[in-house]
Amino acid sequence: MKHGDFTELAKFYGNRPGYSKVVLECLKNHVFNMVGEGKVADIGAGTGKLTENLVEIGLCGFAVEPNAAMRAEAAQNYGGGVFSWSEGYAETTGLEDNCVKWALMGSSFHWADSKLAVKEFYRILVPGGFFTAIWNPRDIESSELHQRIEEAVYAEVPTMKRVSSGKSVSTEEMKEKLFDGGYFKDILFVEAPHVEVMSKERYMNTWRSVNDIQVQAGEEGFQRILRKIETIITEFDEIEVPYRSRSWTVQSCKR
């Protein structure tokens, strides 16, 4: 398995949690108050976790995903509806000029070439439109259980370096990337906690959907990690998983 290759993980992706409705509703109100209601684009949409949330808050538009296996899972789980799915990348979405009011990337902006991506977002957005990068890291510090699980992961791979869970991303880092080229301005940071209650099977499948840990641990090491986690959660019927949706939103300088 390679960094960024989700072909073998697509079947587990539907087990992941959605994003905070508080954050998404807040951003929706901000965006549409500024530029009016219209279509949105979920870029790097995966199997449609963020897309599903956008539908739930009344939005429609485009879902763009480069990986065929991920799109196939999306078609099976969220086929039809008010979002049209297509193959594309953050750097080359395949969407038309000025076609959306709001573009988003859910837990995927770190895989993009940010220099090329912000230029592409500028192209597809209407004048004054918005782009949001959002992540959904676990709020590990708020839970003793999840601290134990995290310790078990790092005990197996002490030199683990996460590609990005969004937990350590800073506003200064995002400003450097999103303001590059002069395409965007006025960064807005919004975050909110939420809790997802999962069956043990679903919880384990969220771990099976993680790319960067599997790459760094190797197949045998990753199986040891899974066994350790299964042992830790044995006593629980359900797992309460705390998350913190963290988002950065910028406005296009296009006039």
C-alpha atoms as a PDB file:
ATOM      1  CA  MET A   1       0.000   0.000   0.000  1.00  0.00           C
ATOM      2  CA  LYS A   2       1.214   3.515  -0.863  1.00  0.00           C
ATOM      3  CA  HIS A   3       0.561   6.856   0.777  1.00  0.00           C
ATOM      4  CA  GLY A   4      -2.606   8.332  -0.680  1.00  0.00           C
ATOM      5  CA  ASP A   5      -3.820   5.109  -2.359  1.00  0.00           C
ATOM      6  CA  PHE A   6      -7.305   4.357  -1.038  1.00  0.00           C
ATOM      7  CA  THR A   7      -8.286   1.645  -3.500  1.00  0.00           C
ATOM      8  CA  GLU A   8      -8.115  -1.173  -0.940  1.00  0.00           C
ATOM      9  CA  LEU A   9      -9.637   0.992   1.807  1.00  0.00           C
ATOM     10  CA  ALA A  10     -12.745   2.200  -0.016  1.00  0.00           C
ATOM     11  CA  LYS A  11     -14.936  -0.598   1.346  1.00  0.00           C
ATOM     12  CA  PHE A  12     -14.266   0.593   4.906  1.00  0.00           C
ATOM     13  CA  TYR A  13     -14.708   4.324   4.309  1.00  0.00           C
ATOM     14  CA  GLY A  14     -18.455   4.381   4.890  1.00  0.00           C
ATOM     15  CA  ASN A  15     -17.780   3.574   8.552  1.00  0.00           C
ATOM     16  CA  ARG A  16     -16.113   6.924   9.110  1.00  0.00           C
ATOM     17  CA  PRO A  17     -18.014   9.661  10.968  1.00  0.00           C
ATOM     18  CA  GLY A  18     -19.603  12.666   9.373  1.00  0.00           C
ATOM     19  CA  TYR A  19     -18.613  16.239  10.158  1.00  0.00           C
ATOM     20  CA  SER A  20     -20.017  18.618  12.758  1.00  0.00           C
ATOM     21  CA  LYS A  21     -23.384  19.997  11.636  1.00  0.00           C
ATOM     22  CA  VAL A  22     -22.693  23.042  13.804  1.00  0.00           C
ATOM     23  CA  VAL A  23     -19.595  23.871  11.753  1.00  0.00           C
ATOM     24  CA  LEU A  24     -21.234  23.167   8.392  1.00  0.00           C
ATOM     25  CA  GLU A  25     -24.387  25.150   9.160  1.00  0.00           C
ATOM     26  CA  CYS A  26     -22.288  28.068  10.399  1.00  0.00           C
ATOM     27  CA  LEU A  27     -20.195  28.074   7.236  1.00  0.00           C
ATOM     28  CA  LYS A  28     -23.224  27.622   4.978  1.00  0.00           C
ATOM     29  CA  ASN A  29     -24.872  30.686   6.531  1.00  0.00           C
ATOM     30  CA  HIS A  30     -21.673  32.710   6.194  1.00  0.00           C
ATOM     31  CA  VAL A  31     -21.074  31.746   2.554  1.00  0.00           C
ATOM     32  CA  PHE A  32     -24.635  32.205   1.315  1.00  0.00           C
ATOM     33  CA  ASN A  33     -25.042  35.450   3.235  1.00  0.00           C
ATOM     34  CA  MET A  34     -22.053  36.801   1.311  1.00  0.00           C
ATOM     35  CA  VAL A  35     -22.658  35.447  -2.206  1.00  0.00           C
ATOM     36  CA  GLY A  36     -26.182  34.087  -2.243  1.00  0.00           C
ATOM     37  CA  GLU A  37     -27.374  30.497  -2.451  1.00  0.00           C
ATOM     38  CA  GLY A  38     -26.091  28.201  -5.189  1.00  0.00           C
ATOM     39  CA  LYS A  39     -24.308  24.986  -6.032  1.00  0.00           C
ATOM     40  CA  VAL A  40     -21.315  23.676  -4.093  1.00  0.00           C
ATOM     41  CA  ALA A  41     -18.476  21.275  -4.904  1.00  0.00           C
ATOM     42  CA  ASP A  42     -17.155  18.518  -2.646  1.00  0.00           C
ATOM     43  CA  ILE A  43     -13.645  17.885  -4.012  1.00  0.00           C
ATOM     44  CA  GLY A  44     -11.773  14.750  -3.026  1.00  0.00           C
ATOM     45  CA  ALA A  45     -15.198  13.477  -1.986  1.00  0.00           C
ATOM     46  CA  GLY A  46     -14.094   9.911  -1.276  1.00  0.00           C
ATOM     47  CA  THR A  47     -17.135   7.735  -0.655  1.00  0.00           C
ATOM     48  CA  GLY A  48     -19.340  10.709   0.162  1.00  0.00           C
ATOM     49  CA  LYS A  49     -19.144  11.304   3.923  1.00  0.00           C
ATOM     50  CA  LEU A  50     -18.993  15.089   3.592  1.00  0.00           C
ATOM     51  CA  THR A  51     -21.296  14.970   0.557  1.00  0.00           C
ATOM     52  CA  GLU A  52     -23.936  13.254   2.679  1.00  0.00           C
ATOM     53  CA  ASN A  53     -23.636  15.981   5.331  1.00  0.00           C
ATOM     54  CA  LEU A  54     -23.989  18.686   2.672  1.00  0.00           C
ATOM     55  CA  VAL A  55     -27.189  17.053   1.411  1.00  0.00           C
ATOM     56  CA  GLU A  56     -28.492  16.932   4.979  1.00  0.00           C
ATOM     57  CA  ILE A  57     -28.129  20.712   5.316  1.00  0.00           C
ATOM     58  CA  GLY A  58     -29.936  21.312   2.039  1.00  0.00           C
ATOM     59  CA  LEU A  59     -27.116  21.718  -0.478  1.00  0.00           C
ATOM     60  CA  CYS A  60     -26.615  20.397  -4.001  1.00  0.00           C
ATOM     61  CA  GLY A  61     -23.880  20.435  -6.632  1.00  0.00           C
ATOM     62  CA  PHE A  62     -20.886  18.330  -7.603  1.00  0.00           C
ATOM     63  CA  ALA A  63     -18.813  15.595  -5.976  1.00  0.00           C
ATOM     64  CA  VAL A  64     -15.360  15.104  -7.482  1.00  0.00           C
ATOM     65  CA  GLU A  65     -13.170  12.095  -6.616  1.00  0.00           C
ATOM     66  CA  PRO A  66     -10.078  10.688  -8.406  1.00  0.00           C
ATOM     67  CA  ASN A  67     -10.238   7.109  -7.107  1.00  0.00           C
ATOM     68  CA  ALA A  68     -12.541   4.748  -9.020  1.00  0.00           C
ATOM     69  CA  ALA A  69     -13.050   2.387  -6.068  1.00  0.00           C
ATOM     70  CA  MET A  70     -14.094   5.288  -3.857  1.00  0.00           C
ATOM     71  CA  ARG A  71     -16.543   6.553  -6.493  1.00  0.00           C
ATOM     72  CA  ALA A  72     -17.967   3.036  -6.830  1.00  0.00           C
ATOM     73  CA  GLU A  73     -18.625   2.895  -3.083  1.00  0.00           C
ATOM     74  CA  ALA A  74     -20.232   6.327  -3.266  1.00  0.00           C
ATOM     75  CA  ALA A  75     -22.522   5.193  -6.087  1.00  0.00           C
ATOM     76  CA  GLN A  76     -23.568   2.189  -4.014  1.00  0.00           C
ATOM     77  CA  ASN A  77     -24.159   4.097  -0.798  1.00  0.00           C
ATOM     78  CA  TYR A  78     -25.239   7.537  -1.972  1.00  0.00           C
ATOM     79  CA  GLY A  79     -26.164   6.979  -5.611  1.00  0.00           C
ATOM     80  CA  GLY A  80     -28.431   9.459  -7.339  1.00  0.00           C
ATOM     81  CA  GLY A  81     -29.590  12.468  -5.380  1.00  0.00           C
ATOM     82  CA  VAL A  82     -28.716  16.102  -5.755  1.00  0.00           C
ATOM     83  CA  PHE A  83     -24.942  15.775  -6.244  1.00  0.00           C
ATOM     84  CA  SER A  84     -23.507  14.665  -9.580  1.00  0.00           C
ATOM     85  CA  TRP A  85     -20.358  12.546  -9.285  1.00  0.00           C
ATOM     86  CA  SER A  86     -17.352  12.757 -11.588  1.00  0.00           C
ATOM     87  CA  GLU A  87     -13.674  11.851 -11.800  1.00  0.00           C
ATOM     88  CA  GLY A  88     -11.299  14.675 -11.027  1.00  0.00           C
ATOM     89  CA  TYR A  89      -8.562  16.018  -8.780  1.00  0.00           C
ATOM     90  CA  ALA A  90      -8.140  19.065  -6.584  1.00  0.00           C
ATOM     91  CA  GLU A  91      -5.679  20.384  -9.151  1.00  0.00           C
ATOM     92  CA  THR A  92      -7.882  19.519 -12.174  1.00  0.00           C
ATOM     93  CA  THR A  93     -11.503  19.116 -11.106  1.00  0.00           C
ATOM     94  CA  GLY A  94     -13.001  18.947 -14.588  1.00  0.00           C
ATOM     95  CA  LEU A  95     -15.698  21.411 -13.504  1.00  0.00           C
ATOM     96  CA  GLU A  96     -16.646  24.505 -15.501  1.00  0.00           C
ATOM     97  CA  ASP A  97     -15.487  28.050 -14.776  1.00  0.00           C
ATOM     98  CA  ASN A  98     -17.552  29.982 -12.207  1.00  0.00           C
ATOM     99  CA  CYS A  99     -19.871  27.022 -11.560  1.00  0.00           C
ATOM    100  CA  VAL A 100     -20.085  26.964  -7.740  1.00  0.00           C
ATOM    101  CA  LYS A 101     -20.524  29.351  -4.845  1.00  0.00           C
ATOM    102  CA  TRP A 102     -18.628  27.166  -2.376  1.00  0.00           C
ATOM    103  CA  ALA A 103     -15.949  24.474  -2.767  1.00  0.00           C
ATOM    104  CA  LEU A 104     -14.879  22.160   0.051  1.00  0.00           C
ATOM    105  CA  MET A 105     -12.348  19.445   0.727  1.00  0.00           C
ATOM    106  CA  GLY A 106     -13.106  17.095   3.613  1.00  0.00           C
ATOM    107  CA  SER A 107     -10.025  15.480   5.195  1.00  0.00           C
ATOM    108  CA  SER A 108      -8.231  15.554   1.848  1.00  0.00           C
ATOM    109  CA  PHE A 109      -6.588  18.951   1.259  1.00  0.00           C
ATOM    110  CA  HIS A 110      -3.307  17.594   2.653  1.00  0.00           C
ATOM    111  CA  TRP A 111      -3.091  15.196  -0.321  1.00  0.00           C
ATOM    112  CA  ALA A 112      -3.368  18.052  -2.857  1.00  0.00           C
ATOM    113  CA  ASP A 113      -0.671  20.196  -4.452  1.00  0.00           C
ATOM    114  CA  SER A 114      -1.860  23.344  -2.702  1.00  0.00           C
ATOM    115  CA  LYS A 115      -0.333  25.752  -5.235  1.00  0.00           C
ATOM    116  CA  LEU A 116      -2.231  24.160  -8.118  1.00  0.00           C
ATOM    117  CA  ALA A 117      -5.352  23.440  -6.077  1.00  0.00           C
ATOM    118  CA  VAL A 118      -6.007  27.014  -4.940  1.00  0.00           C
ATOM    119  CA  LYS A 119      -5.648  28.199  -8.527  1.00  0.00           C
ATOM    120  CA  GLU A 120      -8.190  25.573  -9.627  1.00  0.00           C
ATOM    121  CA  PHE A 121     -10.627  26.511  -6.857  1.00  0.00           C
ATOM    122  CA  TYR A 122     -10.340  30.157  -7.905  1.00  0.00           C
ATOM    123  CA  ARG A 123     -11.267  29.115 -11.461  1.00  0.00           C
ATOM    124  CA  ILE A 124     -14.393  27.125 -10.587  1.00  0.00           C
ATOM    125  CA  LEU A 125     -15.728  29.583  -8.000  1.00  0.00           C
ATOM    126  CA  VAL A 126     -17.967  32.513  -8.836  1.00  0.00           C
ATOM    127  CA  PRO A 127     -16.578  35.981  -8.030  1.00  0.00           C
ATOM    128  CA  GLY A 128     -16.360  36.266  -4.265  1.00  0.00           C
ATOM    129  CA  GLY A 129     -16.986  32.534  -3.780  1.00  0.00           C
ATOM    130  CA  PHE A 130     -15.519  30.525  -0.919  1.00  0.00           C
ATOM    131  CA  PHE A 131     -13.266  27.533  -0.334  1.00  0.00           C
ATOM    132  CA  THR A 132     -13.217  25.469   2.881  1.00  0.00           C
ATOM    133  CA  ALA A 133     -10.691  22.868   3.999  1.00  0.00           C
ATOM    134  CA  ILE A 134     -12.132  20.805   6.846  1.00  0.00           C
ATOM    135  CA  TRP A 135     -10.796  17.903   8.908  1.00  0.00           C
ATOM    136  CA  ASN A 136     -12.380  15.683  11.536  1.00  0.00           C
ATOM    137  CA  PRO A 137      -9.654  14.538  13.980  1.00  0.00           C
ATOM    138  CA  ARG A 138     -10.417  12.525  17.078  1.00  0.00           C
ATOM    139  CA  ASP A 139     -10.457  14.626  20.254  1.00  0.00           C
ATOM    140  CA  ILE A 140      -8.109  12.190  21.963  1.00  0.00           C
ATOM    141  CA  GLU A 141      -7.266  14.358  24.961  1.00  0.00           C
ATOM    142  CA  SER A 142     -10.899  14.375  26.084  1.00  0.00           C
ATOM    143  CA  SER A 143     -11.068  10.585  26.532  1.00  0.00           C
ATOM    144  CA  GLU A 144      -8.953   8.237  28.635  1.00  0.00           C
ATOM    145  CA  LEU A 145     -10.022   5.311  26.446  1.00  0.00           C
ATOM    146  CA  HIS A 146      -8.807   6.938  23.248  1.00  0.00           C
ATOM    147  CA  GLN A 147      -5.578   8.032  24.899  1.00  0.00           C
ATOM    148  CA  ARG A 148      -4.907   4.351  25.681  1.00  0.00           C
ATOM    149  CA  ILE A 149      -5.648   3.402  22.088  1.00  0.00           C
ATOM    150  CA  GLU A 150      -3.342   6.114  20.771  1.00  0.00           C
ATOM    151  CA  GLU A 151      -0.565   4.917  23.062  1.00  0.00           C
ATOM    152  CA  ALA A 152      -1.015   1.379  21.704  1.00  0.00           C
ATOM    153  CA  VAL A 153      -0.640   2.639  18.131  1.00  0.00           C
ATOM    154  CA  TYR A 154       2.548   4.558  18.876  1.00  0.00           C
ATOM    155  CA  ALA A 155       3.963   1.668  20.897  1.00  0.00           C
ATOM    156  CA  GLU A 156       3.894  -0.355  17.679  1.00  0.00           C
ATOM    157  CA  VAL A 157       5.292   2.483  15.515  1.00  0.00           C
ATOM    158  CA  PRO A 158       7.166   4.939  17.788  1.00  0.00           C
ATOM    159  CA  THR A 159       8.311   7.062  14.836  1.00  0.00           C
ATOM    160  CA  MET A 160       4.786   7.429  13.421  1.00  0.00           C
ATOM    161  CA  LYS A 161       4.247  10.622  11.427  1.00  0.00           C
ATOM    162  CA  ARG A 162       0.649  11.284  10.476  1.00  0.00           C
ATOM    163  CA  VAL A 163       0.183  12.754   6.998  1.00  0.00           C
ATOM    164  CA  SER A 164      -2.552  14.884   8.503  1.00  0.00           C
ATOM    165  CA  SER A 165      -5.551  14.239  10.669  1.00  0.00           C
ATOM    166  CA  GLY A 166      -6.145  17.990  10.862  1.00  0.00           C
ATOM    167  CA  LYS A 167      -5.364  17.951  14.555  1.00  0.00           C
ATOM    168  CA  SER A 168      -2.040  19.763  14.298  1.00  0.00           C
ATOM    169  CA  VAL A 169      -2.874  22.076  11.395  1.00  0.00           C
ATOM    170  CA  SER A 170      -2.458  25.756  12.286  1.00  0.00           C
ATOM    171  CA  THR A 171      -4.099  28.865  10.885  1.00  0.00           C
ATOM    172  CA  GLU A 172      -0.682  30.265   9.964  1.00  0.00           C
ATOM    173  CA  GLU A 173       0.085  27.114   7.961  1.00  0.00           C
ATOM    174  CA  MET A 174      -3.261  27.336   6.197  1.00  0.00           C
ATOM    175  CA  LYS A 175      -2.795  31.034   5.430  1.00  0.00           C
ATOM    176  CA  GLU A 176       0.546  30.246   3.816  1.00  0.00           C
ATOM    177  CA  LYS A 177      -1.066  27.661   1.542  1.00  0.00           C
ATOM    178  CA  LEU A 178      -4.427  29.275   0.830  1.00  0.00           C
ATOM    179  CA  PHE A 179      -3.153  32.810   0.241  1.00  0.00           C
ATOM    180  CA  ASP A 180      -0.377  31.637  -2.107  1.00  0.00           C
ATOM    181  CA  GLY A 181      -0.747  33.260  -5.524  1.00  0.00           C
ATOM    182  CA  GLY A 182      -3.118  35.953  -4.297  1.00  0.00           C
ATOM    183  CA  TYR A 183      -6.273  34.033  -5.240  1.00  0.00           C
ATOM    184  CA  PHE A 184      -7.915  34.088  -1.781  1.00  0.00           C
ATOM    185  CA  LYS A 185      -8.253  36.357   1.260  1.00  0.00           C
ATOM    186  CA  ASP A 186      -9.863  36.698   4.703  1.00  0.00           C
ATOM    187  CA  ILE A 187      -9.323  33.337   6.425  1.00  0.00           C
ATOM    188  CA  LEU A 188     -12.004  32.178   8.860  1.00  0.00           C
ATOM    189  CA  PHE A 189     -11.371  29.368  11.359  1.00  0.00           C
ATOM    190  CA  VAL A 190     -14.365  27.465  12.771  1.00  0.00           C
ATOM    191  CA  GLU A 191     -14.305  24.332  14.931  1.00  0.00           C
ATOM    192  CA  ALA A 192     -16.748  22.394  17.098  1.00  0.00           C
ATOM    193  CA  PRO A 193     -16.731  19.090  19.000  1.00  0.00           C
ATOM    194  CA  HIS A 194     -19.126  16.222  18.327  1.00  0.00           C
ATOM    195  CA  VAL A 195     -19.431  12.600  19.438  1.00  0.00           C
ATOM    196  CA  GLU A 196     -20.103   9.556  17.263  1.00  0.00           C
ATOM    197  CA  VAL A 197     -21.430   6.391  18.916  1.00  0.00           C
ATOM    198  CA  MET A 198     -20.240   3.291  17.047  1.00  0.00           C
ATOM    199  CA  SER A 199     -20.587  -0.456  17.251  1.00  0.00           C
ATOM    200  CA  LYS A 200     -17.281  -2.222  17.854  1.00  0.00           C
ATOM    201  CA  GLU A 201     -17.312  -3.532  14.286  1.00  0.00           C
ATOM    202  CA  ARG A 202     -17.814  -0.080  12.831  1.00  0.00           C
ATOM    203  CA  TYR A 203     -15.142   1.373  15.097  1.00  0.00           C
ATOM    204  CA  MET A 204     -12.592  -1.225  13.990  1.00  0.00           C
ATOM    205  CA  ASN A 205     -13.495  -0.545  10.369  1.00  0.00           C
ATOM    206  CA  THR A 206     -12.704   3.147  10.823  1.00  0.00           C
ATOM    207  CA  TRP A 207      -9.174   2.032  11.701  1.00  0.00           C
ATOM    208  CA  ARG A 208      -9.079  -0.228   8.645  1.00  0.00           C
ATOM    209  CA  SER A 209      -9.869   2.831   6.498  1.00  0.00           C
ATOM    210  CA  VAL A 210      -6.726   4.719   7.604  1.00  0.00           C
ATOM    211  CA  ASN A 211      -4.017   4.906   4.951  1.00  0.00           C
ATOM    212  CA  ASP A 212      -0.944   6.486   6.547  1.00  0.00           C
ATOM    213  CA  ILE A 213      -0.806   4.239   9.633  1.00  0.00           C
ATOM    214  CA  GLN A 214      -1.049   1.090   7.500  1.00  0.00           C
ATOM    215  CA  VAL A 215       1.755   2.304   5.252  1.00  0.00           C
ATOM    216  CA  GLN A 216       4.090   3.075   8.159  1.00  0.00           C
ATOM    217  CA  ALA A 217       3.247   0.026  10.286  1.00  0.00           C
ATOM    218  CA  GLY A 218       3.335  -2.483   7.427  1.00  0.00           C
ATOM    219  CA  GLU A 219       0.813  -5.305   7.108  1.00  0.00           C
ATOM    220  CA  GLU A 220       1.992  -7.341  10.113  1.00  0.00           C
ATOM    221  CA  GLY A 221       2.449  -4.304  12.316  1.00  0.00           C
ATOM    222  CA  PHE A 222      -0.974  -2.968  11.404  1.00  0.00           C
ATOM    223  CA  GLN A 223      -2.608  -6.303  12.259  1.00  0.00           C
ATOM    224  CA  ARG A 224      -0.908  -6.154  15.670  1.00  0.00           C
ATOM    225  CA  ILE A 225      -2.304  -2.652  16.148  1.00  0.00           C
ATOM    226  CA  LEU A 226      -5.811  -3.865  15.321  1.00  0.00           C
ATOM    227  CA  ARG A 227      -5.514  -6.746  17.792  1.00  0.00           C
ATOM    228  CA  LYS A 228      -4.342  -4.371  20.539  1.00  0.00           C
ATOM    229  CA  ILE A 229      -7.300  -2.051  19.912  1.00  0.00           C
ATOM    230  CA  GLU A 230      -9.741  -4.973  19.920  1.00  0.00           C
ATOM    231  CA  THR A 231      -8.365  -6.034  23.304  1.00  0.00           C
ATOM    232  CA  ILE A 232      -8.719  -2.529  24.749  1.00  0.00           C
ATOM    233  CA  ILE A 233     -12.375  -2.182  23.688  1.00  0.00           C
ATOM    234  CA  THR A 234     -13.449  -5.719  24.672  1.00  0.00           C
ATOM    235  CA  GLU A 235     -15.452  -4.553  27.706  1.00  0.00           C
ATOM    236  CA  PHE A 236     -17.548  -2.040  25.729  1.00  0.00           C
ATOM    237  CA  ASP A 237     -20.795  -2.713  23.858  1.00  0.00           C
ATOM    238  CA  GLU A 238     -20.498   0.570  21.947  1.00  0.00           C
ATOM    239  CA  ILE A 239     -17.681   3.040  21.521  1.00  0.00           C
ATOM    240  CA  GLU A 240     -18.198   6.763  22.046  1.00  0.00           C
ATOM    241  CA  VAL A 241     -15.681   8.492  19.812  1.00  0.00           C
ATOM    242  CA  PRO A 242     -15.079  12.220  20.393  1.00  0.00           C
ATOM    243  CA  TYR A 243     -14.245  14.281  17.319  1.00  0.00           C
ATOM    244  CA  ARG A 244     -13.488  17.930  16.670  1.00  0.00           C
ATOM    245  CA  SER A 245     -14.320  19.235  13.208  1.00  0.00           C
ATOM    246  CA  ARG A 246     -11.772  21.951  12.331  1.00  0.00           C
ATOM    247  CA  SER A 247     -12.215  24.164   9.257  1.00  0.00           C
ATOM    248  CA  TRP A 248     -10.511  27.018   7.437  1.00  0.00           C
ATOM    249  CA  THR A 249     -12.506  29.091   4.950  1.00  0.00           C
ATOM    250  CA  VAL A 250     -11.245  31.735   2.544  1.00  0.00           C
ATOM    251  CA  GLN A 251     -12.936  34.021   0.033  1.00  0.00           C
ATOM    252  CA  SER A 252     -11.967  34.302  -3.613  1.00  0.00           C
ATOM    253  CA  CYS A 253     -10.438  37.592  -4.733  1.00  0.00           C
ATOM    254  CA  LYS A 254     -12.141  37.184  -8.132  1.00  0.00           C
ATOM    255  CA  ARG A 255     -14.337  40.099  -9.132  1.00  0.00           C
END
